[in-house]
Amino acid sequence: MEQYNGDVRKSWLNHSPNKIISNIFTLFDKKPTDIAKLPRLVLGGLQDTQQIAEFQLDLAPDTHIRKVLGRVVYGIDKLSVKGALELSRKLYPKNPWRLDAELYLTGKDRCFHKKPDCKFCPKFLICTYGALNQ
């Protein structure tokens, strides 16, 4: 943080996306273990709060997101990280990040691992898993 004189915003203001990711790795002094999830979350948050310009950004495919995508589209319990990234790019090619929050919240609040709450899920009408298991 010393390189930014105590102001972490200097790590992203007026920088390219690749430079921002590099700066984030430097700040945390190590790479996250799961396919650059941390920088995606940070960049997505910066986009969401309009602190940086919007650009094409992958979602952060955690277990909730992979579960919802797998169930809604394919009727399976969970996609791989690679599968979730590829599918999200097909569903929203302009900016897959825009799917992240909705998928995460659905997975966390409704699409439970053992007993999904399909009747009250906003995706019930389009969900392959819900249709197969009702």
N, C-alpha and C. Protein backbone atom coordinates (compact mmCIF):
# COMPACT_ATOMS: atom_id res chain seq x y z
N MET A 1 0.82 -1.19 0.00
CA MET A 1 0.00 0.00 0.00
C MET A 1 0.87 1.26 0.00
N GLU A 2 2.12 1.11 0.40
CA GLU A 2 3.02 2.27 0.42
C GLU A 2 3.20 2.87 -0.97
N GLN A 3 3.17 2.00 -2.02
CA GLN A 3 3.37 2.51 -3.38
C GLN A 3 2.23 3.43 -3.83
N TYR A 4 1.10 3.43 -3.10
CA TYR A 4 -0.03 4.30 -3.44
C TYR A 4 -0.25 5.40 -2.40
N ASN A 5 0.75 5.64 -1.57
CA ASN A 5 0.68 6.67 -0.53
C ASN A 5 -0.58 6.54 0.33
N GLY A 6 -0.94 5.30 0.67
CA GLY A 6 -2.09 5.05 1.53
C GLY A 6 -3.44 5.12 0.84
N ASP A 7 -3.47 5.40 -0.46
CA ASP A 7 -4.73 5.53 -1.19
C ASP A 7 -4.84 4.40 -2.21
N VAL A 8 -5.54 3.30 -1.85
CA VAL A 8 -5.61 2.13 -2.71
C VAL A 8 -6.32 2.42 -4.03
N ARG A 9 -7.13 3.47 -4.09
CA ARG A 9 -7.80 3.82 -5.35
C ARG A 9 -6.79 4.08 -6.47
N LYS A 10 -5.60 4.49 -6.09
CA LYS A 10 -4.57 4.74 -7.10
C LYS A 10 -4.14 3.45 -7.81
N SER A 11 -4.52 2.30 -7.28
CA SER A 11 -4.19 1.04 -7.93
C SER A 11 -5.09 0.77 -9.13
N TRP A 12 -6.22 1.47 -9.24
CA TRP A 12 -7.09 1.25 -10.40
C TRP A 12 -7.41 2.50 -11.20
N LEU A 13 -7.34 3.66 -10.61
CA LEU A 13 -7.69 4.87 -11.34
C LEU A 13 -6.77 5.07 -12.55
N ASN A 14 -7.38 5.24 -13.71
CA ASN A 14 -6.67 5.52 -14.97
C ASN A 14 -5.73 4.41 -15.41
N HIS A 15 -6.04 3.15 -15.03
CA HIS A 15 -5.24 2.01 -15.46
C HIS A 15 -6.08 1.09 -16.34
N SER A 16 -5.42 0.31 -17.17
CA SER A 16 -6.08 -0.70 -17.98
C SER A 16 -6.51 -1.86 -17.08
N PRO A 17 -7.46 -2.70 -17.55
CA PRO A 17 -7.87 -3.86 -16.75
C PRO A 17 -6.69 -4.78 -16.39
N ASN A 18 -5.79 -5.02 -17.34
CA ASN A 18 -4.64 -5.89 -17.04
C ASN A 18 -3.73 -5.30 -15.97
N LYS A 19 -3.53 -4.00 -16.02
CA LYS A 19 -2.70 -3.34 -15.01
C LYS A 19 -3.38 -3.38 -13.64
N ILE A 20 -4.70 -3.23 -13.62
CA ILE A 20 -5.44 -3.31 -12.36
C ILE A 20 -5.27 -4.70 -11.74
N ILE A 21 -5.41 -5.75 -12.56
CA ILE A 21 -5.24 -7.11 -12.05
C ILE A 21 -3.83 -7.30 -11.50
N SER A 22 -2.84 -6.82 -12.23
CA SER A 22 -1.46 -6.92 -11.77
C SER A 22 -1.28 -6.19 -10.43
N ASN A 23 -1.85 -5.01 -10.32
CA ASN A 23 -1.75 -4.24 -9.08
C ASN A 23 -2.43 -4.97 -7.91
N ILE A 24 -3.55 -5.62 -8.17
CA ILE A 24 -4.25 -6.36 -7.12
C ILE A 24 -3.38 -7.51 -6.62
N PHE A 25 -2.77 -8.26 -7.56
CA PHE A 25 -1.88 -9.34 -7.15
C PHE A 25 -0.74 -8.80 -6.29
N THR A 26 -0.22 -7.65 -6.65
CA THR A 26 0.86 -7.04 -5.88
C THR A 26 0.38 -6.66 -4.48
N LEU A 27 -0.82 -6.10 -4.40
CA LEU A 27 -1.37 -5.70 -3.10
C LEU A 27 -1.53 -6.90 -2.17
N PHE A 28 -2.00 -8.01 -2.69
CA PHE A 28 -2.24 -9.18 -1.86
C PHE A 28 -1.02 -10.08 -1.73
N ASP A 29 0.00 -9.80 -2.51
CA ASP A 29 1.29 -10.47 -2.42
C ASP A 29 1.24 -11.96 -2.74
N LYS A 30 0.14 -12.43 -3.32
CA LYS A 30 0.05 -13.81 -3.78
C LYS A 30 -1.16 -13.94 -4.69
N LYS A 31 -1.14 -14.97 -5.54
CA LYS A 31 -2.27 -15.19 -6.42
C LYS A 31 -3.32 -16.06 -5.72
N PRO A 32 -4.60 -15.75 -5.95
CA PRO A 32 -5.64 -16.62 -5.39
C PRO A 32 -5.59 -17.98 -6.07
N THR A 33 -6.11 -18.98 -5.42
CA THR A 33 -5.99 -20.34 -5.93
C THR A 33 -6.97 -20.67 -7.03
N ASP A 34 -8.05 -19.95 -7.16
CA ASP A 34 -9.08 -20.37 -8.11
C ASP A 34 -9.28 -19.40 -9.28
N ILE A 35 -8.43 -19.52 -10.26
CA ILE A 35 -8.56 -18.85 -11.55
C ILE A 35 -8.89 -17.36 -11.43
N ALA A 36 -8.10 -16.65 -10.72
CA ALA A 36 -8.19 -15.19 -10.64
C ALA A 36 -9.56 -14.70 -10.17
N LYS A 37 -10.16 -15.39 -9.23
CA LYS A 37 -11.47 -14.99 -8.73
C LYS A 37 -11.42 -13.63 -8.02
N LEU A 38 -10.42 -13.41 -7.23
CA LEU A 38 -10.32 -12.16 -6.48
C LEU A 38 -10.28 -10.93 -7.38
N PRO A 39 -9.42 -10.90 -8.40
CA PRO A 39 -9.44 -9.72 -9.27
C PRO A 39 -10.78 -9.52 -9.98
N ARG A 40 -11.44 -10.62 -10.36
CA ARG A 40 -12.75 -10.48 -10.99
C ARG A 40 -13.75 -9.84 -10.04
N LEU A 41 -13.72 -10.26 -8.79
CA LEU A 41 -14.62 -9.68 -7.81
C LEU A 41 -14.34 -8.18 -7.61
N VAL A 42 -13.08 -7.85 -7.53
CA VAL A 42 -12.71 -6.44 -7.34
C VAL A 42 -13.10 -5.62 -8.56
N LEU A 43 -12.74 -6.11 -9.74
CA LEU A 43 -13.08 -5.37 -10.96
C LEU A 43 -14.59 -5.28 -11.14
N GLY A 44 -15.30 -6.35 -10.84
CA GLY A 44 -16.76 -6.32 -10.93
C GLY A 44 -17.36 -5.30 -9.98
N GLY A 45 -16.84 -5.27 -8.76
CA GLY A 45 -17.30 -4.27 -7.79
C GLY A 45 -17.03 -2.85 -8.26
N LEU A 46 -15.87 -2.66 -8.88
CA LEU A 46 -15.55 -1.32 -9.40
C LEU A 46 -16.46 -0.95 -10.56
N GLN A 47 -16.79 -1.92 -11.42
CA GLN A 47 -17.75 -1.67 -12.48
C GLN A 47 -19.13 -1.36 -11.91
N ASP A 48 -19.56 -2.17 -10.94
CA ASP A 48 -20.89 -2.00 -10.35
C ASP A 48 -21.06 -0.62 -9.72
N THR A 49 -20.00 -0.10 -9.17
CA THR A 49 -20.08 1.22 -8.52
C THR A 49 -19.63 2.34 -9.45
N GLN A 50 -19.44 2.00 -10.71
CA GLN A 50 -19.08 2.96 -11.77
C GLN A 50 -17.81 3.74 -11.46
N GLN A 51 -16.88 3.06 -10.80
CA GLN A 51 -15.59 3.69 -10.54
C GLN A 51 -14.60 3.44 -11.67
N ILE A 52 -14.90 2.43 -12.50
CA ILE A 52 -14.13 2.20 -13.72
C ILE A 52 -15.14 1.95 -14.84
N ALA A 53 -14.69 2.13 -16.08
CA ALA A 53 -15.55 1.92 -17.24
C ALA A 53 -15.93 0.45 -17.35
N GLU A 54 -17.10 0.19 -17.90
CA GLU A 54 -17.53 -1.19 -18.10
C GLU A 54 -16.80 -1.79 -19.29
N PHE A 55 -16.38 -3.02 -19.14
CA PHE A 55 -15.73 -3.79 -20.19
C PHE A 55 -16.13 -5.24 -19.98
N GLN A 56 -15.85 -6.10 -20.93
CA GLN A 56 -16.20 -7.51 -20.81
C GLN A 56 -15.38 -8.13 -19.68
N LEU A 57 -16.09 -8.70 -18.70
CA LEU A 57 -15.45 -9.28 -17.52
C LEU A 57 -16.17 -10.58 -17.18
N ASP A 58 -15.42 -11.63 -16.93
CA ASP A 58 -16.03 -12.89 -16.53
C ASP A 58 -16.60 -12.81 -15.13
N LEU A 59 -17.62 -13.63 -14.86
CA LEU A 59 -18.12 -13.73 -13.51
C LEU A 59 -17.12 -14.53 -12.66
N ALA A 60 -17.34 -14.55 -11.36
CA ALA A 60 -16.48 -15.30 -10.44
C ALA A 60 -17.21 -16.60 -10.11
N PRO A 61 -16.87 -17.70 -10.78
CA PRO A 61 -17.68 -18.92 -10.70
C PRO A 61 -17.53 -19.72 -9.41
N ASP A 62 -18.13 -19.22 -8.35
CA ASP A 62 -18.08 -19.96 -7.08
C ASP A 62 -19.09 -21.10 -7.12
N THR A 63 -19.21 -21.82 -6.03
CA THR A 63 -20.06 -23.01 -5.98
C THR A 63 -21.53 -22.70 -6.22
N HIS A 64 -22.02 -21.56 -5.72
CA HIS A 64 -23.42 -21.18 -5.91
C HIS A 64 -23.71 -20.90 -7.38
N ILE A 65 -22.84 -20.15 -8.02
CA ILE A 65 -23.02 -19.79 -9.43
C ILE A 65 -22.96 -21.02 -10.31
N ARG A 66 -22.01 -21.89 -10.05
CA ARG A 66 -21.86 -23.12 -10.85
C ARG A 66 -23.07 -24.04 -10.66
N LYS A 67 -23.61 -24.06 -9.46
CA LYS A 67 -24.78 -24.89 -9.16
C LYS A 67 -26.01 -24.36 -9.92
N VAL A 68 -26.27 -23.07 -9.85
CA VAL A 68 -27.45 -22.50 -10.51
C VAL A 68 -27.34 -22.64 -12.03
N LEU A 69 -26.20 -22.31 -12.59
CA LEU A 69 -26.03 -22.45 -14.04
C LEU A 69 -26.23 -23.90 -14.48
N GLY A 70 -25.63 -24.83 -13.76
CA GLY A 70 -25.77 -26.24 -14.10
C GLY A 70 -27.21 -26.71 -14.03
N ARG A 71 -27.90 -26.31 -12.98
CA ARG A 71 -29.28 -26.76 -12.79
C ARG A 71 -30.23 -26.11 -13.80
N VAL A 72 -30.15 -24.80 -13.95
CA VAL A 72 -31.07 -24.09 -14.84
C VAL A 72 -30.91 -24.55 -16.29
N VAL A 73 -29.69 -24.61 -16.76
CA VAL A 73 -29.46 -24.88 -18.18
C VAL A 73 -29.43 -26.37 -18.51
N TYR A 74 -28.74 -27.16 -17.68
CA TYR A 74 -28.52 -28.56 -18.03
C TYR A 74 -29.24 -29.56 -17.11
N GLY A 75 -29.81 -29.10 -16.02
CA GLY A 75 -30.47 -30.01 -15.09
C GLY A 75 -29.51 -30.84 -14.26
N ILE A 76 -28.26 -30.40 -14.16
CA ILE A 76 -27.26 -31.12 -13.37
C ILE A 76 -26.92 -30.33 -12.12
N ASP A 77 -26.30 -31.00 -11.16
CA ASP A 77 -26.03 -30.33 -9.87
C ASP A 77 -24.98 -29.24 -9.92
N LYS A 78 -23.96 -29.38 -10.74
CA LYS A 78 -22.93 -28.33 -10.73
C LYS A 78 -22.08 -28.43 -11.98
N LEU A 79 -21.74 -27.28 -12.54
CA LEU A 79 -20.81 -27.20 -13.66
C LEU A 79 -19.39 -27.05 -13.15
N SER A 80 -18.44 -27.37 -13.99
CA SER A 80 -17.04 -27.07 -13.66
C SER A 80 -16.83 -25.57 -13.77
N VAL A 81 -15.72 -25.10 -13.25
CA VAL A 81 -15.39 -23.68 -13.38
C VAL A 81 -15.33 -23.30 -14.85
N LYS A 82 -14.63 -24.11 -15.63
CA LYS A 82 -14.50 -23.83 -17.07
C LYS A 82 -15.87 -23.83 -17.75
N GLY A 83 -16.71 -24.80 -17.41
CA GLY A 83 -18.05 -24.87 -17.99
C GLY A 83 -18.89 -23.65 -17.65
N ALA A 84 -18.81 -23.19 -16.41
CA ALA A 84 -19.57 -22.01 -15.98
C ALA A 84 -19.09 -20.76 -16.72
N LEU A 85 -17.77 -20.62 -16.87
CA LEU A 85 -17.24 -19.46 -17.59
C LEU A 85 -17.69 -19.48 -19.05
N GLU A 86 -17.60 -20.64 -19.70
CA GLU A 86 -17.99 -20.74 -21.11
C GLU A 86 -19.48 -20.46 -21.30
N LEU A 87 -20.31 -21.04 -20.43
CA LEU A 87 -21.75 -20.83 -20.53
C LEU A 87 -22.12 -19.38 -20.28
N SER A 88 -21.54 -18.77 -19.28
CA SER A 88 -21.88 -17.36 -18.99
C SER A 88 -21.48 -16.45 -20.14
N ARG A 89 -20.40 -16.77 -20.84
CA ARG A 89 -19.98 -15.98 -22.01
C ARG A 89 -20.97 -16.13 -23.15
N LYS A 90 -21.61 -17.28 -23.25
CA LYS A 90 -22.64 -17.49 -24.28
C LYS A 90 -23.94 -16.79 -23.91
N LEU A 91 -24.30 -16.84 -22.62
CA LEU A 91 -25.55 -16.25 -22.17
C LEU A 91 -25.52 -14.72 -22.22
N TYR A 92 -24.39 -14.13 -21.89
CA TYR A 92 -24.28 -12.66 -21.87
C TYR A 92 -22.90 -12.27 -22.38
N PRO A 93 -22.70 -12.38 -23.71
CA PRO A 93 -21.36 -12.15 -24.27
C PRO A 93 -20.81 -10.73 -24.03
N LYS A 94 -21.69 -9.74 -23.95
CA LYS A 94 -21.22 -8.37 -23.78
C LYS A 94 -20.45 -8.18 -22.46
N ASN A 95 -20.97 -8.79 -21.38
CA ASN A 95 -20.31 -8.66 -20.09
C ASN A 95 -20.87 -9.72 -19.12
N PRO A 96 -20.29 -10.93 -19.13
CA PRO A 96 -20.79 -12.00 -18.26
C PRO A 96 -20.87 -11.62 -16.78
N TRP A 97 -20.07 -10.66 -16.35
CA TRP A 97 -20.10 -10.23 -14.95
C TRP A 97 -21.50 -9.83 -14.51
N ARG A 98 -22.29 -9.31 -15.42
CA ARG A 98 -23.64 -8.84 -15.09
C ARG A 98 -24.53 -9.97 -14.58
N LEU A 99 -24.17 -11.22 -14.82
CA LEU A 99 -24.94 -12.37 -14.33
C LEU A 99 -24.54 -12.77 -12.91
N ASP A 100 -23.38 -12.34 -12.45
CA ASP A 100 -22.78 -12.84 -11.22
C ASP A 100 -23.67 -12.70 -9.99
N ALA A 101 -24.10 -11.50 -9.68
CA ALA A 101 -24.84 -11.26 -8.43
C ALA A 101 -26.15 -12.03 -8.39
N GLU A 102 -26.90 -12.01 -9.49
CA GLU A 102 -28.19 -12.71 -9.52
C GLU A 102 -28.02 -14.21 -9.35
N LEU A 103 -27.04 -14.79 -10.04
CA LEU A 103 -26.79 -16.23 -9.92
C LEU A 103 -26.33 -16.59 -8.50
N TYR A 104 -25.42 -15.78 -7.97
CA TYR A 104 -24.90 -16.03 -6.62
C TYR A 104 -26.03 -15.99 -5.59
N LEU A 105 -26.85 -14.94 -5.64
CA LEU A 105 -27.92 -14.80 -4.65
C LEU A 105 -28.97 -15.91 -4.78
N THR A 106 -29.28 -16.29 -6.00
CA THR A 106 -30.23 -17.40 -6.20
C THR A 106 -29.66 -18.68 -5.59
N GLY A 107 -28.40 -18.95 -5.84
CA GLY A 107 -27.77 -20.15 -5.30
C GLY A 107 -27.68 -20.15 -3.80
N LYS A 108 -27.46 -18.99 -3.23
CA LYS A 108 -27.30 -18.86 -1.78
C LYS A 108 -28.64 -18.87 -1.06
N ASP A 109 -29.65 -18.21 -1.66
CA ASP A 109 -30.92 -18.00 -0.96
C ASP A 109 -32.05 -18.96 -1.35
N ARG A 110 -31.94 -19.63 -2.51
CA ARG A 110 -33.05 -20.48 -2.97
C ARG A 110 -32.60 -21.85 -3.46
N CYS A 111 -31.55 -21.88 -4.23
CA CYS A 111 -31.12 -23.11 -4.90
C CYS A 111 -30.15 -23.87 -3.99
N PHE A 112 -30.69 -24.36 -2.88
CA PHE A 112 -29.86 -25.04 -1.89
C PHE A 112 -29.35 -26.37 -2.44
N HIS A 113 -28.24 -26.82 -1.90
CA HIS A 113 -27.60 -28.04 -2.40
C HIS A 113 -28.52 -29.26 -2.26
N LYS A 114 -29.04 -29.50 -1.06
CA LYS A 114 -29.81 -30.72 -0.83
C LYS A 114 -31.31 -30.57 -1.09
N LYS A 115 -31.87 -29.44 -0.72
CA LYS A 115 -33.32 -29.24 -0.91
C LYS A 115 -33.57 -27.86 -1.52
N PRO A 116 -33.43 -27.74 -2.84
CA PRO A 116 -33.67 -26.44 -3.46
C PRO A 116 -35.12 -26.00 -3.28
N ASP A 117 -35.30 -24.73 -3.11
CA ASP A 117 -36.62 -24.13 -2.89
C ASP A 117 -37.20 -23.73 -4.25
N CYS A 118 -37.47 -24.72 -5.09
CA CYS A 118 -37.86 -24.48 -6.48
C CYS A 118 -39.16 -23.69 -6.62
N LYS A 119 -40.15 -23.94 -5.76
CA LYS A 119 -41.46 -23.28 -5.89
C LYS A 119 -41.37 -21.77 -5.80
N PHE A 120 -40.42 -21.27 -5.04
CA PHE A 120 -40.31 -19.83 -4.83
C PHE A 120 -39.12 -19.21 -5.55
N CYS A 121 -38.50 -19.98 -6.42
CA CYS A 121 -37.33 -19.50 -7.15
C CYS A 121 -37.76 -18.67 -8.35
N PRO A 122 -37.15 -17.51 -8.55
CA PRO A 122 -37.51 -16.67 -9.70
C PRO A 122 -37.16 -17.31 -11.05
N LYS A 123 -36.34 -18.34 -11.03
CA LYS A 123 -35.94 -19.00 -12.28
C LYS A 123 -36.70 -20.30 -12.53
N PHE A 124 -37.70 -20.58 -11.72
CA PHE A 124 -38.40 -21.86 -11.78
C PHE A 124 -38.96 -22.15 -13.18
N LEU A 125 -39.53 -21.17 -13.84
CA LEU A 125 -40.16 -21.40 -15.14
C LEU A 125 -39.17 -21.75 -16.24
N ILE A 126 -37.92 -21.40 -16.06
CA ILE A 126 -36.92 -21.70 -17.09
C ILE A 126 -35.91 -22.75 -16.63
N CYS A 127 -36.10 -23.29 -15.45
CA CYS A 127 -35.10 -24.19 -14.85
C CYS A 127 -35.31 -25.64 -15.24
N THR A 128 -34.34 -26.21 -15.89
CA THR A 128 -34.38 -27.62 -16.29
C THR A 128 -34.43 -28.51 -15.06
N TYR A 129 -33.63 -28.24 -14.06
CA TYR A 129 -33.58 -29.04 -12.83
C TYR A 129 -34.93 -29.03 -12.14
N GLY A 130 -35.52 -27.85 -11.99
CA GLY A 130 -36.83 -27.73 -11.34
C GLY A 130 -37.90 -28.51 -12.08
N ALA A 131 -37.87 -28.45 -13.41
CA ALA A 131 -38.86 -29.17 -14.21
C ALA A 131 -38.68 -30.68 -14.07
N LEU A 132 -37.45 -31.14 -13.99
CA LEU A 132 -37.17 -32.58 -13.89
C LEU A 132 -37.47 -33.15 -12.51
N ASN A 133 -37.44 -32.31 -11.50
CA ASN A 133 -37.55 -32.80 -10.12
C ASN A 133 -38.84 -32.40 -9.42
N GLN A 134 -39.85 -32.01 -10.15
CA GLN A 134 -41.13 -31.63 -9.53
C GLN A 134 -42.18 -32.66 -9.78
